[in-house]
Amino acid sequence: MKQIIDAHIHLDQYEPKSWKDIIEKDPSLQALISVSSTLQSCQLNQKISQLYSCVKPAYGFHPEQILPSSNELAELFAWIDQNNEEMIAVGEVGLPYYLNQTYTLSLEPYLELLEAFIIHSKKWGKPLILHAVYEDAEIVCDLLEKHSVSKAHFHWFKGAKKTVERMKNNGYYISVTPDIVYKPKIQALAMEYPLDYLMVETDGPWPFEGPFQNQTTVPSMIHQSVEEIARLKGVSGTEAYDFLYQNTSCFYNLST
C-alpha cells in the first residue's frame, strides 16, 4: 500500500473549512506533521490535532518574522512547557535567511532564541524541525553539535556541498517538497543524500510551479515526489514509499 506522511505542513494556515478535505481526501495519507509559527499558531495546531488524530502538532516560532518581546517569548515557552507531552516535535524553528536578504538584521537574538529551543528540545525529549538554509545551516549545525543533538530535521533544505556532507555525517534528516519534480538542484540534492535520511513534505499552503501551477498545495502531491525519488535513486516505487514512510515514522516515533 502506498502510505505517505506529510513531514511538514502548516495546517493552521489553511481555511478551517478545508481541513477535513485535506486530511481525508487521500486514503494513503497516514499522518501530517503540522508545524507552528507563533503562540497563536501553536494553539490552533493543538485544536486541529484534537479534531483529527492523524495530525501531529509541532510547537515553535518561525524565524522568518520579527521577534516578539521577551514577555511574549516567555509566554510561548511557558505554554509549550505545559503542553509539550502532546507535541511531536519542536518546530518550526531556525534562522531568518530570507528575511535577512530584505532587512539588515542582528542575528544574535535569533541565535539566542534558537539555542533556547534546542536546549528545551532536549529537556522535552523532542526532535527539532529546522528552517535553516544555505550558510545559516552551518551555524545551526554548530549549535546542534554544541548541544549534542542528533534528532534534527532540516525541512526544504538547500545548501553547499560541504554542509550536505556535514549533515549526512551527523545523521540529520532532510525533507523535499513537490519542487523535486521540476527543479534540477533539488533532484541533485536528493540523489546525493542517503535514502535512509530522506522525508517528503508539502510545506503547504506554499504554492508550487511546474505540474502543480495554480493548484492548492495538498498532501497528495507527495506521490509525485516519491515517484521522482524512486527514479533518482534507482529503486522501485514500492521501495521508495516504504523507505520514506519508515524514515518519517521512526524519526517522529509515530504509531500510525
C-alpha atoms as a PDB file:
ATOM      1  CA  MET A   1       0.000   0.000   0.000  1.00  0.00           C
ATOM      2  CA  LYS A   2       1.294   3.454  -0.915  1.00  0.00           C
ATOM      3  CA  GLN A   3       1.290   5.025   2.537  1.00  0.00           C
ATOM      4  CA  ILE A   4       2.544   8.600   2.922  1.00  0.00           C
ATOM      5  CA  ILE A   5       3.280  11.028   5.738  1.00  0.00           C
ATOM      6  CA  ASP A   6       3.479  14.768   5.099  1.00  0.00           C
ATOM      7  CA  ALA A   7       6.567  15.583   7.162  1.00  0.00           C
ATOM      8  CA  HIS A   8       5.981  19.350   7.148  1.00  0.00           C
ATOM      9  CA  ILE A   9       2.771  21.310   6.597  1.00  0.00           C
ATOM     10  CA  HIS A  10       1.186  24.455   8.063  1.00  0.00           C
ATOM     11  CA  LEU A  11      -2.390  23.234   8.511  1.00  0.00           C
ATOM     12  CA  ASP A  12      -3.200  26.226  10.688  1.00  0.00           C
ATOM     13  CA  GLN A  13      -2.710  28.479   7.637  1.00  0.00           C
ATOM     14  CA  TYR A  14      -5.473  26.775   5.632  1.00  0.00           C
ATOM     15  CA  GLU A  15      -9.120  27.753   5.899  1.00  0.00           C
ATOM     16  CA  PRO A  16     -10.742  25.676   8.667  1.00  0.00           C
ATOM     17  CA  LYS A  17     -13.450  24.517   6.257  1.00  0.00           C
ATOM     18  CA  SER A  18     -10.748  22.827   4.146  1.00  0.00           C
ATOM     19  CA  TRP A  19      -9.079  20.850   6.978  1.00  0.00           C
ATOM     20  CA  LYS A  20     -11.324  17.797   6.682  1.00  0.00           C
ATOM     21  CA  ASP A  21     -10.923  17.546   2.920  1.00  0.00           C
ATOM     22  CA  ILE A  22      -7.116  17.957   3.087  1.00  0.00           C
ATOM     23  CA  ILE A  23      -6.830  15.295   5.770  1.00  0.00           C
ATOM     24  CA  GLU A  24      -9.339  12.738   4.472  1.00  0.00           C
ATOM     25  CA  LYS A  25      -9.247  13.091   0.680  1.00  0.00           C
ATOM     26  CA  ASP A  26      -6.225  10.811   0.164  1.00  0.00           C
ATOM     27  CA  PRO A  27      -6.690   7.451   1.952  1.00  0.00           C
ATOM     28  CA  SER A  28      -2.950   6.753   1.691  1.00  0.00           C
ATOM     29  CA  LEU A  29      -2.191   9.738   3.941  1.00  0.00           C
ATOM     30  CA  GLN A  30      -1.392   8.335   7.388  1.00  0.00           C
ATOM     31  CA  ALA A  31      -0.153  11.407   9.265  1.00  0.00           C
ATOM     32  CA  LEU A  32       0.705  15.077   8.907  1.00  0.00           C
ATOM     33  CA  ILE A  33       3.332  16.955  10.922  1.00  0.00           C
ATOM     34  CA  SER A  34       1.733  20.373  11.361  1.00  0.00           C
ATOM     35  CA  VAL A  35       4.310  22.961  12.392  1.00  0.00           C
ATOM     36  CA  SER A  36       3.705  26.220  14.223  1.00  0.00           C
ATOM     37  CA  SER A  37       4.836  29.798  13.699  1.00  0.00           C
ATOM     38  CA  THR A  38       3.670  31.716  16.800  1.00  0.00           C
ATOM     39  CA  LEU A  39       1.915  31.047  20.100  1.00  0.00           C
ATOM     40  CA  GLN A  40      -1.460  31.514  18.402  1.00  0.00           C
ATOM     41  CA  SER A  41      -0.351  29.110  15.678  1.00  0.00           C
ATOM     42  CA  CYS A  42       0.648  26.545  18.333  1.00  0.00           C
ATOM     43  CA  GLN A  43      -2.756  26.828  19.950  1.00  0.00           C
ATOM     44  CA  LEU A  44      -4.566  26.399  16.626  1.00  0.00           C
ATOM     45  CA  ASN A  45      -2.473  23.361  15.695  1.00  0.00           C
ATOM     46  CA  GLN A  46      -3.327  21.916  19.092  1.00  0.00           C
ATOM     47  CA  LYS A  47      -7.008  22.379  18.293  1.00  0.00           C
ATOM     48  CA  ILE A  48      -6.655  20.748  14.862  1.00  0.00           C
ATOM     49  CA  SER A  49      -4.812  17.771  16.356  1.00  0.00           C
ATOM     50  CA  GLN A  50      -7.628  17.306  18.856  1.00  0.00           C
ATOM     51  CA  LEU A  51     -10.102  17.149  15.972  1.00  0.00           C
ATOM     52  CA  TYR A  52      -8.028  14.806  13.791  1.00  0.00           C
ATOM     53  CA  SER A  53      -5.807  12.149  15.369  1.00  0.00           C
ATOM     54  CA  CYS A  54      -3.578  11.858  12.293  1.00  0.00           C
ATOM     55  CA  VAL A  55      -2.462  15.491  12.737  1.00  0.00           C
ATOM     56  CA  LYS A  56       0.704  15.597  14.832  1.00  0.00           C
ATOM     57  CA  PRO A  57       1.461  19.124  16.084  1.00  0.00           C
ATOM     58  CA  ALA A  58       4.898  20.677  16.454  1.00  0.00           C
ATOM     59  CA  TYR A  59       5.268  23.812  18.561  1.00  0.00           C
ATOM     60  CA  GLY A  60       7.760  26.590  17.960  1.00  0.00           C
ATOM     61  CA  PHE A  61       8.368  30.034  16.460  1.00  0.00           C
ATOM     62  CA  HIS A  62       9.057  30.519  12.749  1.00  0.00           C
ATOM     63  CA  PRO A  63      12.234  32.595  12.323  1.00  0.00           C
ATOM     64  CA  GLU A  64      11.197  34.482   9.174  1.00  0.00           C
ATOM     65  CA  GLN A  65       9.498  37.235  11.190  1.00  0.00           C
ATOM     66  CA  ILE A  66      10.310  39.975  13.648  1.00  0.00           C
ATOM     67  CA  LEU A  67      10.932  38.576  17.096  1.00  0.00           C
ATOM     68  CA  PRO A  68       8.320  39.116  19.816  1.00  0.00           C
ATOM     69  CA  SER A  69       9.043  40.822  23.112  1.00  0.00           C
ATOM     70  CA  SER A  70      10.788  38.972  25.915  1.00  0.00           C
ATOM     71  CA  ASN A  71       7.461  38.717  27.768  1.00  0.00           C
ATOM     72  CA  GLU A  72       5.780  37.201  24.717  1.00  0.00           C
ATOM     73  CA  LEU A  73       8.604  34.703  24.304  1.00  0.00           C
ATOM     74  CA  ALA A  74       8.342  33.772  27.974  1.00  0.00           C
ATOM     75  CA  GLU A  75       4.615  33.192  27.457  1.00  0.00           C
ATOM     76  CA  LEU A  76       5.333  30.989  24.417  1.00  0.00           C
ATOM     77  CA  PHE A  77       7.863  28.829  26.271  1.00  0.00           C
ATOM     78  CA  ALA A  78       5.568  28.553  29.299  1.00  0.00           C
ATOM     79  CA  TRP A  79       2.692  27.388  27.081  1.00  0.00           C
ATOM     80  CA  ILE A  80       4.844  24.813  25.276  1.00  0.00           C
ATOM     81  CA  ASP A  81       6.199  23.621  28.624  1.00  0.00           C
ATOM     82  CA  GLN A  82       2.627  22.960  29.772  1.00  0.00           C
ATOM     83  CA  ASN A  83       1.659  21.236  26.518  1.00  0.00           C
ATOM     84  CA  ASN A  84       4.876  19.533  25.420  1.00  0.00           C
ATOM     85  CA  GLU A  85       3.714  15.974  26.014  1.00  0.00           C
ATOM     86  CA  GLU A  86       1.247  16.133  23.142  1.00  0.00           C
ATOM     87  CA  MET A  87       3.604  17.708  20.599  1.00  0.00           C
ATOM     88  CA  ILE A  88       5.511  15.536  18.154  1.00  0.00           C
ATOM     89  CA  ALA A  89       8.481  17.915  17.845  1.00  0.00           C
ATOM     90  CA  VAL A  90       9.807  21.426  18.393  1.00  0.00           C
ATOM     91  CA  GLY A  91       9.204  23.420  15.243  1.00  0.00           C
ATOM     92  CA  GLU A  92       9.372  25.268  13.115  1.00  0.00           C
ATOM     93  CA  VAL A  93      12.482  26.984  14.459  1.00  0.00           C
ATOM     94  CA  GLY A  94      15.710  28.232  12.923  1.00  0.00           C
ATOM     95  CA  LEU A  95      17.248  31.363  11.416  1.00  0.00           C
ATOM     96  CA  PRO A  96      15.763  34.144   9.233  1.00  0.00           C
ATOM     97  CA  TYR A  97      17.711  33.637   5.999  1.00  0.00           C
ATOM     98  CA  TYR A  98      15.138  35.146   3.621  1.00  0.00           C
ATOM     99  CA  LEU A  99      14.124  37.989   5.931  1.00  0.00           C
ATOM    100  CA  ASN A 100      17.788  38.861   6.262  1.00  0.00           C
ATOM    101  CA  GLN A 101      18.023  39.310   2.480  1.00  0.00           C
ATOM    102  CA  THR A 102      15.491  42.147   2.704  1.00  0.00           C
ATOM    103  CA  TYR A 103      16.372  43.738   6.020  1.00  0.00           C
ATOM    104  CA  THR A 104      19.649  44.146   7.862  1.00  0.00           C
ATOM    105  CA  LEU A 105      19.027  42.071  10.954  1.00  0.00           C
ATOM    106  CA  SER A 106      21.068  41.366  14.022  1.00  0.00           C
ATOM    107  CA  LEU A 107      21.309  37.578  14.092  1.00  0.00           C
ATOM    108  CA  GLU A 108      22.247  37.452  17.763  1.00  0.00           C
ATOM    109  CA  PRO A 109      18.700  37.462  19.216  1.00  0.00           C
ATOM    110  CA  TYR A 110      17.607  34.848  16.664  1.00  0.00           C
ATOM    111  CA  LEU A 111      20.573  32.681  17.628  1.00  0.00           C
ATOM    112  CA  GLU A 112      19.720  33.073  21.307  1.00  0.00           C
ATOM    113  CA  LEU A 113      16.124  32.044  20.651  1.00  0.00           C
ATOM    114  CA  LEU A 114      17.154  29.045  18.556  1.00  0.00           C
ATOM    115  CA  GLU A 115      19.628  27.909  21.200  1.00  0.00           C
ATOM    116  CA  ALA A 116      16.886  28.197  23.820  1.00  0.00           C
ATOM    117  CA  PHE A 117      14.654  25.968  21.685  1.00  0.00           C
ATOM    118  CA  ILE A 118      17.495  23.476  21.233  1.00  0.00           C
ATOM    119  CA  ILE A 119      18.087  23.317  24.991  1.00  0.00           C
ATOM    120  CA  HIS A 120      14.364  22.935  25.666  1.00  0.00           C
ATOM    121  CA  SER A 121      14.008  20.247  22.985  1.00  0.00           C
ATOM    122  CA  LYS A 122      16.485  18.117  24.929  1.00  0.00           C
ATOM    123  CA  LYS A 123      14.585  18.736  28.145  1.00  0.00           C
ATOM    124  CA  TRP A 124      11.290  17.824  26.480  1.00  0.00           C
ATOM    125  CA  GLY A 125      12.833  14.855  24.662  1.00  0.00           C
ATOM    126  CA  LYS A 126      11.547  16.001  21.272  1.00  0.00           C
ATOM    127  CA  PRO A 127      13.205  16.221  17.842  1.00  0.00           C
ATOM    128  CA  LEU A 128      13.796  19.564  16.122  1.00  0.00           C
ATOM    129  CA  ILE A 129      12.223  20.774  12.886  1.00  0.00           C
ATOM    130  CA  LEU A 130      14.572  23.338  11.405  1.00  0.00           C
ATOM    131  CA  HIS A 131      14.312  26.208   8.978  1.00  0.00           C
ATOM    132  CA  ALA A 132      17.980  26.631   8.112  1.00  0.00           C
ATOM    133  CA  VAL A 133      19.223  27.030   4.552  1.00  0.00           C
ATOM    134  CA  TYR A 134      22.458  27.947   2.769  1.00  0.00           C
ATOM    135  CA  GLU A 135      25.069  29.461   5.113  1.00  0.00           C
ATOM    136  CA  ASP A 136      22.594  29.529   8.018  1.00  0.00           C
ATOM    137  CA  ALA A 137      22.652  25.728   8.050  1.00  0.00           C
ATOM    138  CA  GLU A 138      26.334  25.771   9.002  1.00  0.00           C
ATOM    139  CA  ILE A 139      25.579  27.962  12.015  1.00  0.00           C
ATOM    140  CA  VAL A 140      22.726  25.692  13.043  1.00  0.00           C
ATOM    141  CA  CYS A 141      24.970  22.626  12.725  1.00  0.00           C
ATOM    142  CA  ASP A 142      27.406  24.338  15.096  1.00  0.00           C
ATOM    143  CA  LEU A 143      24.638  24.757  17.686  1.00  0.00           C
ATOM    144  CA  LEU A 144      23.357  21.194  17.275  1.00  0.00           C
ATOM    145  CA  GLU A 145      26.858  19.808  17.730  1.00  0.00           C
ATOM    146  CA  LYS A 146      27.474  22.084  20.696  1.00  0.00           C
ATOM    147  CA  HIS A 147      24.450  20.586  22.464  1.00  0.00           C
ATOM    148  CA  SER A 148      24.957  17.024  21.134  1.00  0.00           C
ATOM    149  CA  VAL A 149      21.613  16.977  19.331  1.00  0.00           C
ATOM    150  CA  SER A 150      21.217  14.192  16.801  1.00  0.00           C
ATOM    151  CA  LYS A 151      17.472  14.209  16.068  1.00  0.00           C
ATOM    152  CA  ALA A 152      17.266  17.138  13.660  1.00  0.00           C
ATOM    153  CA  HIS A 153      15.060  17.521  10.591  1.00  0.00           C
ATOM    154  CA  PHE A 154      16.066  20.252   8.122  1.00  0.00           C
ATOM    155  CA  HIS A 155      12.937  20.894   6.090  1.00  0.00           C
ATOM    156  CA  TRP A 156      13.151  22.000   2.420  1.00  0.00           C
ATOM    157  CA  PHE A 157      16.905  22.173   2.774  1.00  0.00           C
ATOM    158  CA  LYS A 158      19.244  23.916   0.324  1.00  0.00           C
ATOM    159  CA  GLY A 159      22.945  24.373   0.975  1.00  0.00           C
ATOM    160  CA  ALA A 160      26.569  23.963  -0.002  1.00  0.00           C
ATOM    161  CA  LYS A 161      28.149  20.581  -0.657  1.00  0.00           C
ATOM    162  CA  LYS A 162      30.323  20.793   2.476  1.00  0.00           C
ATOM    163  CA  THR A 163      27.190  21.445   4.563  1.00  0.00           C
ATOM    164  CA  VAL A 164      25.442  18.479   2.983  1.00  0.00           C
ATOM    165  CA  GLU A 165      28.415  16.260   3.857  1.00  0.00           C
ATOM    166  CA  ARG A 166      28.435  17.502   7.429  1.00  0.00           C
ATOM    167  CA  MET A 167      24.713  16.865   7.821  1.00  0.00           C
ATOM    168  CA  LYS A 168      24.996  13.382   6.320  1.00  0.00           C
ATOM    169  CA  ASN A 169      27.846  12.531   8.708  1.00  0.00           C
ATOM    170  CA  ASN A 170      25.771  13.736  11.665  1.00  0.00           C
ATOM    171  CA  GLY A 171      22.740  11.701  10.598  1.00  0.00           C
ATOM    172  CA  TYR A 172      20.462  14.708  10.195  1.00  0.00           C
ATOM    173  CA  TYR A 173      17.328  14.235   8.140  1.00  0.00           C
ATOM    174  CA  ILE A 174      16.124  16.436   5.289  1.00  0.00           C
ATOM    175  CA  SER A 175      12.766  16.611   3.535  1.00  0.00           C
ATOM    176  CA  VAL A 176      11.961  17.626  -0.017  1.00  0.00           C
ATOM    177  CA  THR A 177       8.862  19.344  -1.365  1.00  0.00           C
ATOM    178  CA  PRO A 178       6.997  18.812  -4.655  1.00  0.00           C
ATOM    179  CA  ASP A 179       9.541  21.061  -6.384  1.00  0.00           C
ATOM    180  CA  ILE A 180      11.748  17.961  -6.658  1.00  0.00           C
ATOM    181  CA  VAL A 181       9.589  17.051  -9.651  1.00  0.00           C
ATOM    182  CA  TYR A 182      10.800  20.043 -11.694  1.00  0.00           C
ATOM    183  CA  LYS A 183      13.908  21.573 -10.035  1.00  0.00           C
ATOM    184  CA  PRO A 184      17.275  20.050 -11.032  1.00  0.00           C
ATOM    185  CA  LYS A 185      19.073  21.406  -7.931  1.00  0.00           C
ATOM    186  CA  ILE A 186      16.636  19.640  -5.599  1.00  0.00           C
ATOM    187  CA  GLN A 187      16.896  16.480  -7.697  1.00  0.00           C
ATOM    188  CA  ALA A 188      20.697  16.627  -7.374  1.00  0.00           C
ATOM    189  CA  LEU A 189      20.408  17.025  -3.592  1.00  0.00           C
ATOM    190  CA  ALA A 190      18.074  14.045  -3.334  1.00  0.00           C
ATOM    191  CA  MET A 191      20.477  11.934  -5.375  1.00  0.00           C
ATOM    192  CA  GLU A 192      23.330  12.857  -3.061  1.00  0.00           C
ATOM    193  CA  TYR A 193      21.521  12.476   0.263  1.00  0.00           C
ATOM    194  CA  PRO A 194      21.120   8.944   1.667  1.00  0.00           C
ATOM    195  CA  LEU A 195      17.649   7.499   1.214  1.00  0.00           C
ATOM    196  CA  ASP A 196      17.821   6.461   4.886  1.00  0.00           C
ATOM    197  CA  TYR A 197      17.704  10.144   5.893  1.00  0.00           C
ATOM    198  CA  LEU A 198      15.089  11.464   3.457  1.00  0.00           C
ATOM    199  CA  MET A 199      11.489  12.511   4.069  1.00  0.00           C
ATOM    200  CA  VAL A 200       8.815  14.141   1.917  1.00  0.00           C
ATOM    201  CA  GLU A 201       6.737  17.205   2.715  1.00  0.00           C
ATOM    202  CA  THR A 202       4.489  19.824   1.119  1.00  0.00           C
ATOM    203  CA  ASP A 203       5.177  22.897   3.275  1.00  0.00           C
ATOM    204  CA  GLY A 204       1.566  23.722   2.380  1.00  0.00           C
ATOM    205  CA  PRO A 205      -0.063  26.049   1.771  1.00  0.00           C
ATOM    206  CA  TRP A 206       3.110  27.224  -0.019  1.00  0.00           C
ATOM    207  CA  PRO A 207       2.308  27.095  -3.771  1.00  0.00           C
ATOM    208  CA  PHE A 208       4.365  25.223  -6.357  1.00  0.00           C
ATOM    209  CA  GLU A 209       5.050  25.562 -10.068  1.00  0.00           C
ATOM    210  CA  GLY A 210       5.609  23.014 -12.833  1.00  0.00           C
ATOM    211  CA  PRO A 211       2.795  20.441 -12.896  1.00  0.00           C
ATOM    212  CA  PHE A 212       1.370  21.988  -9.702  1.00  0.00           C
ATOM    213  CA  GLN A 213       0.955  25.508 -11.134  1.00  0.00           C
ATOM    214  CA  ASN A 214      -2.173  27.280  -9.825  1.00  0.00           C
ATOM    215  CA  GLN A 215      -3.120  24.323  -7.624  1.00  0.00           C
ATOM    216  CA  THR A 216      -3.806  24.399  -3.899  1.00  0.00           C
ATOM    217  CA  THR A 217      -0.972  22.547  -2.180  1.00  0.00           C
ATOM    218  CA  VAL A 218      -2.239  19.276  -0.698  1.00  0.00           C
ATOM    219  CA  PRO A 219      -0.512  16.156   0.680  1.00  0.00           C
ATOM    220  CA  SER A 220      -1.443  14.022  -2.354  1.00  0.00           C
ATOM    221  CA  MET A 221       1.230  15.952  -4.303  1.00  0.00           C
ATOM    222  CA  ILE A 222       3.721  13.860  -2.324  1.00  0.00           C
ATOM    223  CA  HIS A 223       3.016  10.868  -4.574  1.00  0.00           C
ATOM    224  CA  GLN A 224       4.775  12.579  -7.478  1.00  0.00           C
ATOM    225  CA  SER A 225       7.689  13.427  -5.170  1.00  0.00           C
ATOM    226  CA  VAL A 226       8.031   9.784  -4.152  1.00  0.00           C
ATOM    227  CA  GLU A 227       7.928   8.625  -7.759  1.00  0.00           C
ATOM    228  CA  GLU A 228      10.672  11.124  -8.623  1.00  0.00           C
ATOM    229  CA  ILE A 229      12.811   9.977  -5.682  1.00  0.00           C
ATOM    230  CA  ALA A 230      12.394   6.361  -6.830  1.00  0.00           C
ATOM    231  CA  ARG A 231      13.590   7.353 -10.292  1.00  0.00           C
ATOM    232  CA  LEU A 232      16.566   9.325  -8.974  1.00  0.00           C
ATOM    233  CA  LYS A 233      17.625   6.613  -6.542  1.00  0.00           C
ATOM    234  CA  GLY A 234      17.128   3.765  -8.982  1.00  0.00           C
ATOM    235  CA  VAL A 235      14.752   1.873  -6.707  1.00  0.00           C
ATOM    236  CA  SER A 236      11.220   0.627  -7.188  1.00  0.00           C
ATOM    237  CA  GLY A 237       8.268   2.789  -6.253  1.00  0.00           C
ATOM    238  CA  THR A 238       7.389   0.311  -3.514  1.00  0.00           C
ATOM    239  CA  GLU A 239      10.874   0.614  -2.008  1.00  0.00           C
ATOM    240  CA  ALA A 240      10.774   4.411  -2.131  1.00  0.00           C
ATOM    241  CA  TYR A 241       7.371   4.559  -0.452  1.00  0.00           C
ATOM    242  CA  ASP A 242       8.490   2.133   2.235  1.00  0.00           C
ATOM    243  CA  PHE A 243      11.785   3.923   2.969  1.00  0.00           C
ATOM    244  CA  LEU A 244      10.231   7.393   3.173  1.00  0.00           C
ATOM    245  CA  TYR A 245       7.321   6.208   5.291  1.00  0.00           C
ATOM    246  CA  GLN A 246       9.514   4.285   7.724  1.00  0.00           C
ATOM    247  CA  ASN A 247      12.051   7.124   7.941  1.00  0.00           C
ATOM    248  CA  THR A 248       9.389   9.613   8.979  1.00  0.00           C
ATOM    249  CA  SER A 249       7.514   7.217  11.231  1.00  0.00           C
ATOM    250  CA  CYS A 250      10.688   6.229  13.115  1.00  0.00           C
ATOM    251  CA  PHE A 251      12.100   9.754  13.333  1.00  0.00           C
ATOM    252  CA  TYR A 252       8.877  11.094  14.858  1.00  0.00           C
ATOM    253  CA  ASN A 253       8.117   7.926  16.837  1.00  0.00           C
ATOM    254  CA  LEU A 254       4.707   7.633  15.196  1.00  0.00           C
ATOM    255  CA  SER A 255       2.391   4.711  15.800  1.00  0.00           C
ATOM    256  CA  THR A 256       0.415   5.128  12.588  1.00  0.00           C
END
